[in-house]
């Protein structure tokens, strides 16, 4: 009997790199899960400690944590009924590598922005004569009348 690609044996990792990436992006799509990862950054926390920061049930937090576990971003250590969670950045690194493939497009936009800003700055500079004096709008401001006679 063959395993369909969308089914996995519990405890088995994603079938492919693409599946792993899909799990990471799906997990990161939820703001509660992103907040859980922020709280775990640099800390091992109990599920109850994580849940204390949210206005949702412990059961709902546990479900969010399980999504993060399936994506490989959180590992859990159980001692009886107590479950300690730890952040694992490995899968996020894979997502980062995938996103960086598109950085050439972002860089092109930044380069275009820099050129546009440079052109605007050049247009705002007053024209100068050969002697370095402003041409056109660069008239000297006259002193106030009270200073002229002094």
C-alpha atoms as a PDB file:
ATOM      1  CA  UNK A   1       0.000   0.000   0.000  1.00  0.00           C
ATOM      2  CA  UNK A   2       1.511   3.346  -1.015  1.00  0.00           C
ATOM      3  CA  UNK A   3       1.465   6.474   1.115  1.00  0.00           C
ATOM      4  CA  UNK A   4      -0.178   9.486  -0.537  1.00  0.00           C
ATOM      5  CA  UNK A   5       2.179  12.476  -0.467  1.00  0.00           C
ATOM      6  CA  UNK A   6      -0.120  14.498   1.811  1.00  0.00           C
ATOM      7  CA  UNK A   7      -0.118  11.840   4.553  1.00  0.00           C
ATOM      8  CA  UNK A   8       2.777  11.289   6.929  1.00  0.00           C
ATOM      9  CA  UNK A   9       3.571   8.797   9.638  1.00  0.00           C
ATOM     10  CA  UNK A  10       3.643  10.518  13.038  1.00  0.00           C
ATOM     11  CA  UNK A  11       7.213  11.430  13.968  1.00  0.00           C
ATOM     12  CA  UNK A  12       8.359  11.339  10.360  1.00  0.00           C
ATOM     13  CA  UNK A  13       9.698  14.588   8.903  1.00  0.00           C
ATOM     14  CA  UNK A  14       8.257  16.335   5.839  1.00  0.00           C
ATOM     15  CA  UNK A  15       8.423  14.294   2.630  1.00  0.00           C
ATOM     16  CA  UNK A  16      10.403  16.939   0.748  1.00  0.00           C
ATOM     17  CA  UNK A  17      12.136  20.271   1.082  1.00  0.00           C
ATOM     18  CA  UNK A  18       9.105  21.915  -0.513  1.00  0.00           C
ATOM     19  CA  UNK A  19       6.801  20.300   2.064  1.00  0.00           C
ATOM     20  CA  UNK A  20       9.059  21.544   4.866  1.00  0.00           C
ATOM     21  CA  UNK A  21       8.961  25.064   3.448  1.00  0.00           C
ATOM     22  CA  UNK A  22       5.158  24.913   3.173  1.00  0.00           C
ATOM     23  CA  UNK A  23       4.899  23.881   6.837  1.00  0.00           C
ATOM     24  CA  UNK A  24       7.163  26.753   7.926  1.00  0.00           C
ATOM     25  CA  UNK A  25       5.275  29.415   5.980  1.00  0.00           C
ATOM     26  CA  UNK A  26       1.902  28.026   7.118  1.00  0.00           C
ATOM     27  CA  UNK A  27       3.093  28.115  10.742  1.00  0.00           C
ATOM     28  CA  UNK A  28       4.440  31.659  10.393  1.00  0.00           C
ATOM     29  CA  UNK A  29       1.185  32.867   8.817  1.00  0.00           C
ATOM     30  CA  UNK A  30      -0.538  33.054  12.205  1.00  0.00           C
ATOM     31  CA  UNK A  31       0.255  35.994  14.538  1.00  0.00           C
ATOM     32  CA  UNK A  32      -0.226  33.852  17.668  1.00  0.00           C
ATOM     33  CA  UNK A  33       2.403  31.378  16.469  1.00  0.00           C
ATOM     34  CA  UNK A  34       4.812  34.200  15.609  1.00  0.00           C
ATOM     35  CA  UNK A  35       4.317  35.593  19.122  1.00  0.00           C
ATOM     36  CA  UNK A  36       4.987  32.140  20.600  1.00  0.00           C
ATOM     37  CA  UNK A  37       8.267  31.991  18.661  1.00  0.00           C
ATOM     38  CA  UNK A  38       9.176  35.484  19.911  1.00  0.00           C
ATOM     39  CA  UNK A  39       8.585  34.358  23.502  1.00  0.00           C
ATOM     40  CA  UNK A  40      10.667  31.197  23.001  1.00  0.00           C
ATOM     41  CA  UNK A  41      13.588  33.089  21.461  1.00  0.00           C
ATOM     42  CA  UNK A  42      16.402  32.409  23.927  1.00  0.00           C
ATOM     43  CA  UNK A  43      14.124  30.755  26.520  1.00  0.00           C
ATOM     44  CA  UNK A  44      12.853  27.257  27.202  1.00  0.00           C
ATOM     45  CA  UNK A  45       9.294  27.680  28.481  1.00  0.00           C
ATOM     46  CA  UNK A  46       6.526  25.470  29.782  1.00  0.00           C
ATOM     47  CA  UNK A  47       3.342  25.440  27.718  1.00  0.00           C
ATOM     48  CA  UNK A  48       1.549  27.016  30.696  1.00  0.00           C
ATOM     49  CA  UNK A  49       4.142  29.841  30.796  1.00  0.00           C
ATOM     50  CA  UNK A  50       3.555  30.520  27.097  1.00  0.00           C
ATOM     51  CA  UNK A  51      -0.228  30.382  27.519  1.00  0.00           C
ATOM     52  CA  UNK A  52      -0.154  32.928  30.367  1.00  0.00           C
ATOM     53  CA  UNK A  53       0.599  35.690  27.828  1.00  0.00           C
ATOM     54  CA  UNK A  54      -2.460  35.028  25.656  1.00  0.00           C
ATOM     55  CA  UNK A  55      -6.198  35.506  26.030  1.00  0.00           C
ATOM     56  CA  UNK A  56      -6.964  32.091  24.536  1.00  0.00           C
ATOM     57  CA  UNK A  57      -7.300  28.674  26.145  1.00  0.00           C
ATOM     58  CA  UNK A  58      -4.411  26.396  27.055  1.00  0.00           C
ATOM     59  CA  UNK A  59      -5.818  23.888  24.568  1.00  0.00           C
ATOM     60  CA  UNK A  60      -5.681  26.477  21.754  1.00  0.00           C
ATOM     61  CA  UNK A  61      -2.078  27.340  22.649  1.00  0.00           C
ATOM     62  CA  UNK A  62      -1.223  23.626  22.611  1.00  0.00           C
ATOM     63  CA  UNK A  63      -2.653  23.330  19.103  1.00  0.00           C
ATOM     64  CA  UNK A  64      -0.583  26.302  17.925  1.00  0.00           C
ATOM     65  CA  UNK A  65       2.521  24.749  19.475  1.00  0.00           C
ATOM     66  CA  UNK A  66       1.818  21.466  17.679  1.00  0.00           C
ATOM     67  CA  UNK A  67       1.737  23.313  14.342  1.00  0.00           C
ATOM     68  CA  UNK A  68       5.154  24.788  15.209  1.00  0.00           C
ATOM     69  CA  UNK A  69       6.424  21.327  16.237  1.00  0.00           C
ATOM     70  CA  UNK A  70       5.276  19.789  12.914  1.00  0.00           C
ATOM     71  CA  UNK A  71       7.066  22.618  11.094  1.00  0.00           C
ATOM     72  CA  UNK A  72      10.221  21.785  13.080  1.00  0.00           C
ATOM     73  CA  UNK A  73      10.493  25.232  14.678  1.00  0.00           C
ATOM     74  CA  UNK A  74       9.697  24.063  18.218  1.00  0.00           C
ATOM     75  CA  UNK A  75      10.783  20.940  20.051  1.00  0.00           C
ATOM     76  CA  UNK A  76       8.965  19.649  23.109  1.00  0.00           C
ATOM     77  CA  UNK A  77      10.330  17.736  26.064  1.00  0.00           C
ATOM     78  CA  UNK A  78       7.705  16.005  28.164  1.00  0.00           C
ATOM     79  CA  UNK A  79       8.050  14.974  31.787  1.00  0.00           C
ATOM     80  CA  UNK A  80       4.740  13.482  32.824  1.00  0.00           C
ATOM     81  CA  UNK A  81       2.107  16.130  32.132  1.00  0.00           C
ATOM     82  CA  UNK A  82       4.662  18.948  31.976  1.00  0.00           C
ATOM     83  CA  UNK A  83       5.811  19.998  28.533  1.00  0.00           C
ATOM     84  CA  UNK A  84       8.802  22.285  27.986  1.00  0.00           C
ATOM     85  CA  UNK A  85       9.192  24.008  24.613  1.00  0.00           C
ATOM     86  CA  UNK A  86      12.382  25.102  22.872  1.00  0.00           C
ATOM     87  CA  UNK A  87      12.809  27.199  19.715  1.00  0.00           C
ATOM     88  CA  UNK A  88      14.714  25.709  16.747  1.00  0.00           C
ATOM     89  CA  UNK A  89      15.738  28.235  14.079  1.00  0.00           C
ATOM     90  CA  UNK A  90      16.816  25.634  11.483  1.00  0.00           C
ATOM     91  CA  UNK A  91      13.590  25.591   9.467  1.00  0.00           C
ATOM     92  CA  UNK A  92      13.414  29.396   9.486  1.00  0.00           C
ATOM     93  CA  UNK A  93      16.907  29.430   8.015  1.00  0.00           C
ATOM     94  CA  UNK A  94      15.595  27.339   5.111  1.00  0.00           C
ATOM     95  CA  UNK A  95      12.765  29.830   4.585  1.00  0.00           C
ATOM     96  CA  UNK A  96      15.254  32.681   4.731  1.00  0.00           C
ATOM     97  CA  UNK A  97      17.391  31.060   2.046  1.00  0.00           C
ATOM     98  CA  UNK A  98      14.321  30.665  -0.147  1.00  0.00           C
ATOM     99  CA  UNK A  99      13.340  34.320   0.353  1.00  0.00           C
ATOM    100  CA  UNK A 100      16.882  35.538  -0.344  1.00  0.00           C
ATOM    101  CA  UNK A 101      16.619  34.182  -3.885  1.00  0.00           C
ATOM    102  CA  UNK A 102      14.344  37.150  -4.534  1.00  0.00           C
ATOM    103  CA  UNK A 103      16.620  39.766  -2.974  1.00  0.00           C
ATOM    104  CA  UNK A 104      17.907  40.727  -6.432  1.00  0.00           C
ATOM    105  CA  UNK A 105      14.465  42.188  -7.133  1.00  0.00           C
ATOM    106  CA  UNK A 106      14.439  44.141  -3.876  1.00  0.00           C
ATOM    107  CA  UNK A 107      17.966  45.385  -4.537  1.00  0.00           C
ATOM    108  CA  UNK A 108      16.934  46.610  -7.999  1.00  0.00           C
ATOM    109  CA  UNK A 109      14.117  48.610  -6.364  1.00  0.00           C
ATOM    110  CA  UNK A 110      16.522  50.103  -3.816  1.00  0.00           C
ATOM    111  CA  UNK A 111      18.942  51.054  -6.613  1.00  0.00           C
ATOM    112  CA  UNK A 112      16.110  52.750  -8.510  1.00  0.00           C
ATOM    113  CA  UNK A 113      15.052  54.605  -5.363  1.00  0.00           C
ATOM    114  CA  UNK A 114      18.644  55.811  -4.786  1.00  0.00           C
ATOM    115  CA  UNK A 115      18.839  57.147  -8.357  1.00  0.00           C
ATOM    116  CA  UNK A 116      15.499  58.917  -8.015  1.00  0.00           C
ATOM    117  CA  UNK A 117      16.534  60.527  -4.722  1.00  0.00           C
ATOM    118  CA  UNK A 118      19.819  61.653  -6.267  1.00  0.00           C
ATOM    119  CA  UNK A 119      17.958  63.264  -9.192  1.00  0.00           C
ATOM    120  CA  UNK A 120      15.625  65.081  -6.799  1.00  0.00           C
ATOM    121  CA  UNK A 121      18.578  66.354  -4.787  1.00  0.00           C
ATOM    122  CA  UNK A 122      20.277  67.615  -7.978  1.00  0.00           C
ATOM    123  CA  UNK A 123      17.116  69.462  -9.047  1.00  0.00           C
ATOM    124  CA  UNK A 124      16.934  71.251  -5.682  1.00  0.00           C
ATOM    125  CA  UNK A 125      20.540  72.542  -5.809  1.00  0.00           C
ATOM    126  CA  UNK A 126      20.745  76.185  -7.031  1.00  0.00           C
ATOM    127  CA  UNK A 127      22.664  76.772 -10.258  1.00  0.00           C
ATOM    128  CA  UNK A 128      26.001  78.546  -9.766  1.00  0.00           C
ATOM    129  CA  UNK A 129      27.955  80.859 -12.059  1.00  0.00           C
ATOM    130  CA  UNK A 130      31.613  80.305 -12.870  1.00  0.00           C
ATOM    131  CA  UNK A 131      32.481  82.534  -9.911  1.00  0.00           C
ATOM    132  CA  UNK A 132      30.443  80.326  -7.566  1.00  0.00           C
ATOM    133  CA  UNK A 133      27.615  82.816  -7.102  1.00  0.00           C
ATOM    134  CA  UNK A 134      24.032  81.529  -7.250  1.00  0.00           C
ATOM    135  CA  UNK A 135      22.177  82.161 -10.497  1.00  0.00           C
ATOM    136  CA  UNK A 136      18.513  83.102 -10.415  1.00  0.00           C
ATOM    137  CA  UNK A 137      16.875  82.448  -7.043  1.00  0.00           C
ATOM    138  CA  UNK A 138      20.005  83.046  -4.969  1.00  0.00           C
ATOM    139  CA  UNK A 139      19.423  86.747  -4.084  1.00  0.00           C
ATOM    140  CA  UNK A 140      20.845  88.092  -0.866  1.00  0.00           C
ATOM    141  CA  UNK A 141      18.349  88.824   1.821  1.00  0.00           C
ATOM    142  CA  UNK A 142      18.293  92.511   2.754  1.00  0.00           C
ATOM    143  CA  UNK A 143      18.900  93.485   6.333  1.00  0.00           C
ATOM    144  CA  UNK A 144      15.931  94.646   8.389  1.00  0.00           C
ATOM    145  CA  UNK A 145      15.459  98.439   8.444  1.00  0.00           C
ATOM    146  CA  UNK A 146      16.476  98.729  12.086  1.00  0.00           C
ATOM    147  CA  UNK A 147      19.950  97.367  11.233  1.00  0.00           C
ATOM    148  CA  UNK A 148      20.544  99.454   8.071  1.00  0.00           C
ATOM    149  CA  UNK A 149      21.189 102.775   9.804  1.00  0.00           C
ATOM    150  CA  UNK A 150      23.234 101.441  12.687  1.00  0.00           C
END
